[in-house]
N, C-alpha and C. Protein backbone atom coordinates (compact mmCIF):
# COMPACT_ATOMS: atom_id res chain seq x y z
N MET A 1 131.31 175.77 181.94
CA MET A 1 130.80 175.31 180.67
C MET A 1 129.32 174.97 180.85
N ALA A 2 128.45 175.67 180.12
CA ALA A 2 127.01 175.47 180.22
C ALA A 2 126.55 174.39 179.24
N THR A 3 125.67 173.56 179.72
CA THR A 3 125.10 172.54 178.85
C THR A 3 123.69 172.94 178.46
N ASP A 4 123.07 172.16 177.61
CA ASP A 4 121.71 172.48 177.17
C ASP A 4 120.72 172.43 178.31
N THR A 5 120.94 171.55 179.26
CA THR A 5 119.99 171.46 180.38
C THR A 5 120.11 172.64 181.32
N ASP A 6 121.26 173.29 181.38
CA ASP A 6 121.43 174.45 182.25
C ASP A 6 120.72 175.68 181.68
N THR A 7 120.72 175.84 180.37
CA THR A 7 120.16 177.05 179.76
C THR A 7 118.70 176.88 179.34
N ARG A 8 118.21 175.66 179.33
CA ARG A 8 116.84 175.40 178.90
C ARG A 8 115.87 175.85 179.99
N GLU A 9 114.82 176.56 179.57
CA GLU A 9 113.81 176.98 180.53
C GLU A 9 112.87 175.82 180.83
N THR A 10 112.29 175.83 181.99
CA THR A 10 111.34 174.78 182.34
C THR A 10 110.05 174.98 181.57
N GLU A 11 109.39 173.89 181.25
CA GLU A 11 108.13 173.98 180.53
C GLU A 11 107.05 174.53 181.45
N ALA A 12 106.18 175.36 180.89
CA ALA A 12 105.11 175.97 181.67
C ALA A 12 104.03 174.93 181.97
N ASN A 13 103.49 175.01 183.16
CA ASN A 13 102.40 174.11 183.56
C ASN A 13 101.08 174.67 183.06
N ASP A 14 100.18 173.79 182.64
CA ASP A 14 98.86 174.22 182.20
C ASP A 14 98.04 174.67 183.39
N CYS A 15 97.17 175.61 183.13
CA CYS A 15 96.25 176.12 184.15
C CYS A 15 95.29 174.99 184.54
N PRO A 16 95.07 174.75 185.85
CA PRO A 16 94.18 173.67 186.26
C PRO A 16 92.70 173.95 185.97
N VAL A 17 92.34 175.20 185.79
CA VAL A 17 90.95 175.54 185.55
C VAL A 17 90.57 175.38 184.08
N CYS A 18 91.37 175.95 183.17
CA CYS A 18 91.04 175.92 181.73
C CYS A 18 91.84 174.87 180.97
N HIS A 19 92.75 174.18 181.62
CA HIS A 19 93.58 173.13 181.01
C HIS A 19 94.41 173.64 179.84
N GLY A 20 94.88 174.89 179.93
CA GLY A 20 95.79 175.44 178.94
C GLY A 20 95.12 176.11 177.75
N THR A 21 93.81 176.18 177.69
CA THR A 21 93.14 176.80 176.55
C THR A 21 92.96 178.30 176.72
N GLY A 22 92.88 178.78 177.95
CA GLY A 22 92.66 180.20 178.20
C GLY A 22 91.19 180.60 178.21
N GLU A 23 90.31 179.64 177.92
CA GLU A 23 88.87 179.92 177.91
C GLU A 23 88.13 178.92 178.80
N VAL A 24 87.04 179.39 179.39
CA VAL A 24 86.17 178.53 180.18
C VAL A 24 84.74 178.73 179.69
N THR A 25 83.88 177.75 179.89
CA THR A 25 82.49 177.88 179.48
C THR A 25 81.61 178.02 180.71
N ARG A 26 80.56 178.81 180.55
CA ARG A 26 79.57 179.02 181.60
C ARG A 26 78.21 178.65 181.06
N THR A 27 77.38 178.08 181.90
CA THR A 27 76.02 177.74 181.52
C THR A 27 75.16 179.00 181.54
N VAL A 28 74.35 179.20 180.49
CA VAL A 28 73.46 180.35 180.40
C VAL A 28 72.07 179.89 180.80
N ARG A 29 71.49 180.56 181.79
CA ARG A 29 70.16 180.21 182.29
C ARG A 29 69.25 181.42 182.13
N VAL A 30 67.99 181.17 181.76
CA VAL A 30 67.02 182.25 181.58
C VAL A 30 65.70 181.88 182.24
N GLY A 31 64.90 182.89 182.48
CA GLY A 31 63.56 182.67 182.99
C GLY A 31 63.48 182.52 184.50
N ARG A 32 62.25 182.50 184.98
CA ARG A 32 62.01 182.39 186.40
C ARG A 32 62.44 181.04 186.95
N LYS A 33 62.29 179.98 186.13
CA LYS A 33 62.69 178.65 186.57
C LYS A 33 64.17 178.37 186.30
N ARG A 34 64.86 179.36 185.74
CA ARG A 34 66.31 179.27 185.48
C ARG A 34 66.65 178.07 184.61
N ARG A 35 65.91 177.91 183.49
CA ARG A 35 66.19 176.79 182.60
C ARG A 35 67.44 177.06 181.78
N VAL A 36 68.13 176.00 181.43
CA VAL A 36 69.39 176.09 180.69
C VAL A 36 69.08 176.27 179.21
N VAL A 37 69.70 177.27 178.57
CA VAL A 37 69.49 177.50 177.14
C VAL A 37 70.77 177.31 176.34
N GLY A 38 71.91 177.21 177.00
CA GLY A 38 73.16 177.02 176.26
C GLY A 38 74.36 177.33 177.11
N GLU A 39 75.49 177.53 176.43
CA GLU A 39 76.74 177.87 177.09
C GLU A 39 77.40 179.03 176.36
N GLN A 40 78.20 179.78 177.08
CA GLN A 40 79.00 180.82 176.46
C GLN A 40 80.43 180.68 176.96
N SER A 41 81.38 181.04 176.14
CA SER A 41 82.78 180.94 176.55
C SER A 41 83.28 182.31 176.96
N GLY A 42 84.26 182.30 177.85
CA GLY A 42 84.82 183.53 178.34
C GLY A 42 86.27 183.34 178.75
N LEU A 43 86.90 184.41 179.12
CA LEU A 43 88.30 184.43 179.52
C LEU A 43 88.47 183.74 180.88
N CYS A 44 89.47 182.90 181.00
CA CYS A 44 89.75 182.24 182.27
C CYS A 44 90.29 183.27 183.26
N LEU A 45 89.63 183.42 184.38
CA LEU A 45 90.06 184.42 185.37
C LEU A 45 91.21 183.94 186.23
N ASN A 46 91.50 182.65 186.20
CA ASN A 46 92.61 182.12 186.99
C ASN A 46 93.95 182.49 186.35
N CYS A 47 94.06 182.34 185.02
CA CYS A 47 95.33 182.62 184.33
C CYS A 47 95.22 183.84 183.42
N LEU A 48 94.06 184.48 183.37
CA LEU A 48 93.78 185.65 182.53
C LEU A 48 94.02 185.38 181.06
N GLY A 49 93.67 184.18 180.61
CA GLY A 49 93.72 183.83 179.20
C GLY A 49 95.05 183.37 178.67
N SER A 50 96.08 183.29 179.51
CA SER A 50 97.40 182.87 179.03
C SER A 50 97.51 181.36 178.90
N GLY A 51 96.73 180.61 179.68
CA GLY A 51 96.77 179.16 179.64
C GLY A 51 97.85 178.54 180.51
N GLN A 52 98.65 179.37 181.16
CA GLN A 52 99.70 178.87 182.03
C GLN A 52 99.32 179.08 183.48
N ALA A 53 99.70 178.13 184.31
CA ALA A 53 99.37 178.21 185.73
C ALA A 53 100.09 179.39 186.36
N PRO A 54 99.37 180.16 187.17
CA PRO A 54 100.02 181.28 187.87
C PRO A 54 100.99 180.76 188.93
N ASP A 55 102.03 181.52 189.16
CA ASP A 55 103.04 181.13 190.16
C ASP A 55 102.63 181.41 191.56
């Protein structure tokens, strides 16, 4: 006899790099002195945008 706890899947852990959002931000630098002009967002390469920690 199966109970709810036997059939329930475990909750997915959040990715430690992007904290479950699937996106990370990088600082954009320009010029010879490499001054900061802003940030851009991109796909998290640790979880490939899924937001779940890889096994």
